[in-house]
Protein backbone atom coordinates (compact mmCIF):
# COMPACT_ATOMS: atom_id res chain seq x y z
CA UNK A 1 -35.20 -11.99 0.96
CA UNK A 2 -37.92 -13.61 3.02
CA UNK A 3 -35.95 -15.68 5.58
CA UNK A 4 -38.83 -18.14 5.83
CA UNK A 5 -38.98 -18.81 2.08
CA UNK A 6 -36.54 -21.72 2.32
CA UNK A 7 -36.31 -24.67 4.68
CA UNK A 8 -34.01 -24.06 7.65
CA UNK A 9 -31.02 -26.28 8.41
CA UNK A 10 -32.75 -27.24 11.65
CA UNK A 11 -35.91 -28.36 9.82
CA UNK A 12 -34.11 -30.61 7.32
CA UNK A 13 -34.78 -34.32 7.85
CA UNK A 14 -32.37 -37.22 7.56
CA UNK A 15 -32.48 -38.61 4.03
CA UNK A 16 -33.49 -35.30 2.47
CA UNK A 17 -31.64 -33.16 -0.06
CA UNK A 18 -31.77 -29.48 0.85
CA UNK A 19 -31.26 -26.74 -1.74
CA UNK A 20 -31.21 -23.08 -0.74
CA UNK A 21 -29.08 -19.91 -0.69
CA UNK A 22 -26.67 -19.45 2.22
CA UNK A 23 -23.97 -17.07 3.36
CA UNK A 24 -20.50 -18.62 3.23
CA UNK A 25 -18.68 -17.42 6.34
CA UNK A 26 -15.61 -19.68 6.31
CA UNK A 27 -13.82 -22.19 4.07
CA UNK A 28 -11.15 -24.42 5.59
CA UNK A 29 -9.12 -27.10 3.84
CA UNK A 30 -8.57 -30.47 5.48
CA UNK A 31 -6.96 -33.78 4.53
CA UNK A 32 -8.58 -37.20 5.02
CA UNK A 33 -6.79 -40.35 6.17
CA UNK A 34 -5.94 -41.20 2.56
CA UNK A 35 -4.26 -37.87 1.95
CA UNK A 36 -7.11 -36.40 -0.12
CA UNK A 37 -7.93 -32.72 0.27
CA UNK A 38 -11.47 -31.64 1.03
CA UNK A 39 -13.05 -28.48 2.42
CA UNK A 40 -15.15 -27.63 5.45
CA UNK A 41 -17.57 -24.85 4.51
CA UNK A 42 -19.25 -22.87 7.28
CA UNK A 43 -22.58 -21.51 6.08
CA UNK A 44 -25.45 -19.53 7.61
CA UNK A 45 -29.16 -19.70 6.79
CA UNK A 46 -30.21 -16.72 8.94
CA UNK A 47 -31.16 -18.89 11.92
CA UNK A 48 -28.17 -21.12 12.58
CA UNK A 49 -24.93 -22.23 10.96
CA UNK A 50 -23.47 -25.57 9.93
CA UNK A 51 -20.09 -26.68 8.62
CA UNK A 52 -20.59 -29.49 6.09
CA UNK A 53 -17.74 -31.20 4.30
CA UNK A 54 -17.38 -30.95 0.54
CA UNK A 55 -15.22 -33.64 -1.02
CA UNK A 56 -13.12 -33.80 -4.19
CA UNK A 57 -12.39 -30.06 -4.21
CA UNK A 58 -10.20 -27.45 -2.55
CA UNK A 59 -10.43 -23.75 -1.69
CA UNK A 60 -8.61 -22.69 -4.87
CA UNK A 61 -11.10 -24.52 -7.09
CA UNK A 62 -14.02 -22.99 -5.20
CA UNK A 63 -12.43 -19.55 -5.50
CA UNK A 64 -12.12 -19.98 -9.27
CA UNK A 65 -15.85 -20.68 -9.31
CA UNK A 66 -16.54 -17.48 -7.36
CA UNK A 67 -17.15 -19.16 -4.01
CA UNK A 68 -15.17 -17.45 -1.24
CA UNK A 69 -15.78 -16.31 2.34
CA UNK A 70 -18.50 -13.65 2.45
CA UNK A 71 -20.20 -14.82 -0.76
CA UNK A 72 -23.88 -15.72 -0.92
CA UNK A 73 -24.12 -19.11 -2.60
CA UNK A 74 -26.75 -21.57 -3.73
CA UNK A 75 -25.99 -24.94 -2.17
CA UNK A 76 -27.27 -28.48 -2.39
CA UNK A 77 -26.85 -30.43 0.84
CA UNK A 78 -27.33 -34.11 1.59
CA UNK A 79 -28.69 -34.78 5.08
CA UNK A 80 -27.69 -38.01 6.78
CA UNK A 81 -27.27 -39.38 10.28
CA UNK A 82 -23.92 -39.81 11.99
CA UNK A 83 -23.58 -41.08 15.57
CA UNK A 84 -27.23 -40.33 16.22
CA UNK A 85 -27.16 -36.73 14.98
CA UNK A 86 -27.91 -34.96 11.71
CA UNK A 87 -24.93 -34.56 9.41
CA UNK A 88 -24.70 -32.40 6.29
CA UNK A 89 -22.58 -32.87 3.16
CA UNK A 90 -22.22 -30.16 0.54
CA UNK A 91 -22.72 -31.60 -2.96
CA UNK A 92 -23.02 -28.37 -4.98
CA UNK A 93 -21.96 -24.80 -4.25
CA UNK A 94 -22.18 -21.87 -6.65
CA UNK A 95 -22.70 -18.09 -6.42
CA UNK A 96 -26.39 -17.43 -5.90
CA UNK A 97 -28.83 -16.73 -8.70
CA UNK A 98 -31.15 -15.01 -6.21
CA UNK A 99 -31.88 -11.34 -6.81
CA UNK A 100 -32.12 -8.69 -4.10
CA UNK A 101 -30.43 -10.80 -1.47
CA UNK A 102 -27.87 -9.41 0.99
CA UNK A 103 -25.63 -10.76 3.71
CA UNK A 104 -27.98 -9.27 6.31
CA UNK A 105 -30.62 -11.78 5.23
CA UNK A 106 -28.50 -14.56 6.73
CA UNK A 107 -27.72 -12.88 10.02
CA UNK A 108 -28.60 -14.82 13.18
CA UNK A 109 -30.18 -12.59 15.82
CA UNK A 110 -31.44 -13.15 19.36
CA UNK A 111 -35.06 -14.34 19.58
CA UNK A 112 -36.04 -11.18 21.47
CA UNK A 113 -36.19 -7.56 20.27
CA UNK A 114 -32.92 -5.71 20.89
CA UNK A 115 -34.51 -2.43 21.99
CA UNK A 116 -36.84 -4.24 24.38
CA UNK A 117 -33.93 -6.07 26.04
CA UNK A 118 -31.81 -2.92 26.35
CA UNK A 119 -34.67 -0.90 27.83
CA UNK A 120 -35.60 -3.61 30.31
CA UNK A 121 -31.98 -3.95 31.47
CA UNK A 122 -31.90 -0.19 32.08
CA UNK A 123 -35.24 -0.30 33.93
CA UNK A 124 -34.06 -3.08 36.25
CA UNK A 125 -30.73 -1.34 36.86
CA UNK A 126 -32.55 1.91 37.64
CA UNK A 127 -34.88 0.14 40.08
CA UNK A 128 -31.89 -1.16 42.05
CA UNK A 129 -30.43 2.30 42.82
CA UNK A 130 -29.23 2.89 46.38
CA UNK A 131 -27.87 6.32 47.33
CA UNK A 132 -27.42 5.49 51.03
CA UNK A 133 -29.71 8.32 52.16
CA UNK A 134 -28.18 10.79 49.76
CA UNK A 135 -24.57 10.20 50.80
CA UNK A 136 -23.38 8.70 47.51
CA UNK A 137 -24.20 8.64 43.82
CA UNK A 138 -25.92 5.27 43.26
CA UNK A 139 -23.90 2.54 41.58
CA UNK A 140 -26.91 2.17 39.29
CA UNK A 141 -26.23 5.66 37.92
CA UNK A 142 -22.72 4.52 36.97
CA UNK A 143 -24.07 1.44 35.18
CA UNK A 144 -26.70 3.48 33.33
CA UNK A 145 -24.13 6.05 32.22
CA UNK A 146 -21.89 3.29 30.81
CA UNK A 147 -24.83 1.56 29.14
CA UNK A 148 -25.89 4.86 27.57
CA UNK A 149 -22.40 5.83 26.40
CA UNK A 150 -21.66 2.38 24.96
CA UNK A 151 -25.20 1.61 23.80
CA UNK A 152 -24.53 0.95 20.10
CA UNK A 153 -21.73 -1.55 20.69
CA UNK A 154 -23.40 -3.08 23.75
CA UNK A 155 -26.47 -3.84 21.63
CA UNK A 156 -24.68 -5.20 18.56
CA UNK A 157 -21.56 -7.00 19.84
CA UNK A 158 -21.26 -10.76 19.84
CA UNK A 159 -20.63 -12.40 23.19
CA UNK A 160 -18.08 -14.87 21.79
CA UNK A 161 -16.26 -16.08 18.70
CA UNK A 162 -17.66 -19.62 18.86
CA UNK A 163 -18.81 -20.70 22.32
CA UNK A 164 -22.11 -19.11 23.36
CA UNK A 165 -24.28 -16.18 22.26
CA UNK A 166 -21.95 -15.85 19.24
CA UNK A 167 -24.13 -13.61 17.09
CA UNK A 168 -24.89 -9.97 16.52
CA UNK A 169 -26.65 -8.81 19.69
CA UNK A 170 -25.34 -11.83 21.59
CA UNK A 171 -23.74 -9.71 24.32
CA UNK A 172 -27.04 -7.92 24.93
CA UNK A 173 -29.05 -11.17 24.93
CA UNK A 174 -26.64 -12.85 27.35
CA UNK A 175 -26.61 -9.81 29.66
CA UNK A 176 -30.41 -9.49 29.53
CA UNK A 177 -31.03 -13.08 30.62
CA UNK A 178 -28.44 -12.72 33.38
CA UNK A 179 -29.92 -9.46 34.71
CA UNK A 180 -33.38 -11.09 34.78
CA UNK A 181 -31.96 -14.14 36.57
CA UNK A 182 -30.06 -11.98 39.07
CA UNK A 183 -33.20 -9.97 39.84
CA UNK A 184 -35.15 -13.17 40.53
CA UNK A 185 -32.35 -14.60 42.65
CA UNK A 186 -32.33 -11.55 44.91
CA UNK A 187 -35.91 -12.41 45.90
CA UNK A 188 -34.70 -15.78 47.18
CA UNK A 189 -31.30 -14.93 48.68
CA UNK A 190 -32.25 -11.72 50.42
CA UNK A 191 -28.76 -11.15 51.85
CA UNK A 192 -27.48 -10.26 48.38
CA UNK A 193 -26.80 -6.61 47.57
CA UNK A 194 -29.33 -6.22 44.75
CA UNK A 195 -27.77 -3.08 43.28
CA UNK A 196 -24.31 -4.63 43.20
CA UNK A 197 -25.47 -7.89 41.62
CA UNK A 198 -27.76 -6.22 39.07
CA UNK A 199 -25.08 -3.73 38.00
CA UNK A 200 -22.49 -6.50 37.96
CA UNK A 201 -24.54 -8.72 35.65
CA UNK A 202 -25.33 -5.80 33.34
CA UNK A 203 -21.66 -4.86 33.05
CA UNK A 204 -19.81 -8.14 33.61
CA UNK A 205 -18.94 -8.60 29.90
CA UNK A 206 -18.79 -4.93 28.87
CA UNK A 207 -15.10 -5.43 28.03
CA UNK A 208 -16.15 -7.66 25.12
CA UNK A 209 -17.00 -4.59 23.05
CA UNK A 210 -13.22 -4.11 22.82
CA UNK A 211 -12.21 -7.78 23.04
CA UNK A 212 -14.07 -8.66 19.84
CA UNK A 213 -14.67 -7.06 16.51
CA UNK A 214 -18.17 -8.04 15.39
CA UNK A 215 -19.00 -7.91 11.68
CA UNK A 216 -22.28 -6.75 10.20
CA UNK A 217 -23.37 -10.38 9.96
CA UNK A 218 -22.44 -11.16 13.58
CA UNK A 219 -19.14 -12.98 13.06
CA UNK A 220 -16.65 -12.08 15.78
CA UNK A 221 -12.88 -12.11 15.87
CA UNK A 222 -10.38 -11.19 18.55
CA UNK A 223 -8.90 -7.70 18.52
CA UNK A 224 -5.33 -6.91 19.63
CA UNK A 225 -6.80 -5.49 22.87
CA UNK A 226 -8.70 -8.73 23.41
CA UNK A 227 -5.56 -10.80 22.94
CA UNK A 228 -3.39 -8.55 25.11
CA UNK A 229 -5.77 -7.87 27.98
CA UNK A 230 -9.04 -9.84 27.84
CA UNK A 231 -12.52 -8.57 28.65
CA UNK A 232 -12.26 -8.91 32.43
CA UNK A 233 -9.36 -6.45 32.64
CA UNK A 234 -10.93 -4.18 30.01
CA UNK A 235 -14.22 -4.09 31.93
CA UNK A 236 -12.54 -3.38 35.25
CA UNK A 237 -10.48 -0.61 33.64
CA UNK A 238 -13.68 1.01 32.36
CA UNK A 239 -15.12 1.08 35.89
CA UNK A 240 -11.97 2.80 37.14
CA UNK A 241 -12.16 5.35 34.32
CA UNK A 242 -15.78 6.24 35.04
CA UNK A 243 -15.52 6.45 38.84
CA UNK A 244 -12.35 8.47 39.40
CA UNK A 245 -13.18 11.76 41.09
CA UNK A 246 -16.89 10.92 41.43
CA UNK A 247 -19.04 10.55 44.54
CA UNK A 248 -19.57 6.79 44.42
CA UNK A 249 -19.13 4.64 47.51
CA UNK A 250 -15.52 3.52 47.18
CA UNK A 251 -16.08 0.08 48.69
CA UNK A 252 -19.10 -0.50 46.43
CA UNK A 253 -16.93 0.36 43.41
CA UNK A 254 -14.29 -2.08 44.66
CA UNK A 255 -16.93 -4.80 44.94
CA UNK A 256 -18.21 -4.07 41.41
CA UNK A 257 -14.66 -4.32 40.12
CA UNK A 258 -14.23 -7.59 42.02
CA UNK A 259 -17.35 -9.24 40.59
CA UNK A 260 -16.17 -8.36 37.08
CA UNK A 261 -12.64 -9.68 37.67
CA UNK A 262 -13.89 -12.89 39.30
CA UNK A 263 -16.90 -13.81 37.17
CA UNK A 264 -15.12 -16.71 35.43
CA UNK A 265 -15.02 -18.44 38.80
CA UNK A 266 -11.51 -19.90 38.82
CA UNK A 267 -8.13 -18.87 37.45
CA UNK A 268 -8.18 -22.02 35.36
CA UNK A 269 -11.04 -20.51 33.37
CA UNK A 270 -9.64 -17.01 33.15
CA UNK A 271 -10.70 -15.32 36.39
CA UNK A 272 -8.22 -12.71 37.62
CA UNK A 273 -9.23 -13.63 41.18
CA UNK A 274 -11.68 -16.16 42.60
CA UNK A 275 -15.02 -14.95 44.01
CA UNK A 276 -14.75 -13.62 47.56
CA UNK A 277 -18.23 -12.19 48.22
CA UNK A 278 -21.74 -13.64 47.80
CA UNK A 279 -22.54 -11.42 44.81
CA UNK A 280 -19.43 -12.65 43.00
CA UNK A 281 -20.41 -16.28 43.56
CA UNK A 282 -23.93 -15.54 42.37
CA UNK A 283 -22.68 -13.74 39.24
CA UNK A 284 -20.31 -16.58 38.39
CA UNK A 285 -23.06 -19.21 38.64
CA UNK A 286 -25.59 -17.11 36.72
CA UNK A 287 -23.05 -16.54 33.94
CA UNK A 288 -22.13 -20.22 33.80
CA UNK A 289 -25.80 -21.25 33.83
CA UNK A 290 -26.78 -18.95 30.97
CA UNK A 291 -23.82 -20.11 28.87
CA UNK A 292 -24.75 -23.78 29.43
CA UNK A 293 -28.43 -23.13 28.68
CA UNK A 294 -27.50 -21.44 25.41
CA UNK A 295 -25.33 -24.40 24.36
CA UNK A 296 -28.24 -26.75 25.10
CA UNK A 297 -30.70 -24.56 23.19
CA UNK A 298 -28.34 -24.25 20.24
CA UNK A 299 -27.77 -28.00 20.04
CA UNK A 300 -31.46 -28.82 20.48
CA UNK A 301 -32.14 -26.98 17.21
CA UNK A 302 -30.07 -29.57 15.37
CA UNK A 303 -31.08 -32.67 17.36
CA UNK A 304 -33.99 -34.95 16.62
CA UNK A 305 -36.00 -35.99 19.72
CA UNK A 306 -34.49 -39.08 21.30
CA UNK A 307 -30.98 -38.48 19.95
CA UNK A 308 -27.68 -37.23 21.34
CA UNK A 309 -25.00 -34.94 19.98
CA UNK A 310 -22.18 -36.52 17.99
CA UNK A 311 -19.65 -35.32 20.57
CA UNK A 312 -19.45 -33.31 23.78
CA UNK A 313 -20.12 -29.64 22.99
CA UNK A 314 -17.21 -27.40 23.89
CA UNK A 315 -17.37 -26.44 27.56
CA UNK A 316 -19.59 -29.35 28.61
CA UNK A 317 -18.60 -32.62 30.25
CA UNK A 318 -21.08 -34.84 28.42
CA UNK A 319 -22.99 -35.10 25.17
CA UNK A 320 -26.43 -33.53 25.07
CA UNK A 321 -29.55 -35.66 24.85
CA UNK A 322 -32.84 -34.27 23.53
CA UNK A 323 -35.75 -36.09 25.19
CA UNK A 324 -38.55 -37.55 23.09
CA UNK A 325 -41.16 -35.87 25.29
């Protein structure tokens, strides 16, 4: 299916009725204040996802009509305004009449080519190599070996279930922007160990390839390993596995492990330890910045100029305003 054949959710205007095929990724029942059951249907158009309400029905009735999670459906949506933001209501939902359409047609992907991002990460990592006059194997070699061995999952994993970069290739996209930011930052704060920071940003979330199971359409869910250990521990464990018995600088390996374990900044937000070296502080702020920028970008797609989000996006302390300019 040509993804541009139908109007996107983000292009729909208030007052319009939008009809198009979508991928149904979740159906949740809810009850209104009067005790009436309705459903919240999460749907993807290949660029973004929305979760409109559908009233006077329940999941069993939809199932009887052939509408379940994972089904491609033709929907009719009413677009209105609620608290200054676009709001969607599902009026009709039925299995699609489209031919030759697959779930992959509705997959959200990063705006940049996956191979390009992976190759540029590797190039920047390689350029940071420091062997200390031949005494040690560069930390960059360690990062490149991990990136090579875990390439398929590193390139296709989501970076989250719901928060930021939650799409197929989201981990790669998040890591790419962070590596680029770290490289630029090293030109300003010249006391930073460039190799350590570059390798740390490239590998900081590597544990997410075990923390999440990412479907073919980019939906992620927690794995038992993710629930039991979390990606910080899983990433640090991978560093230990790859460096035992090798000729890496032991302190440099310790520092790489530290920046991975501390990149959430505070224990309140999941850090095993708080940052204790400049590179760990830099990594934490770069990570936090990229996550916040993604949330802004994602919300801007749904906001009309001059309006604000209906509520504070998760992880932010205020609503987001999209300027008219």
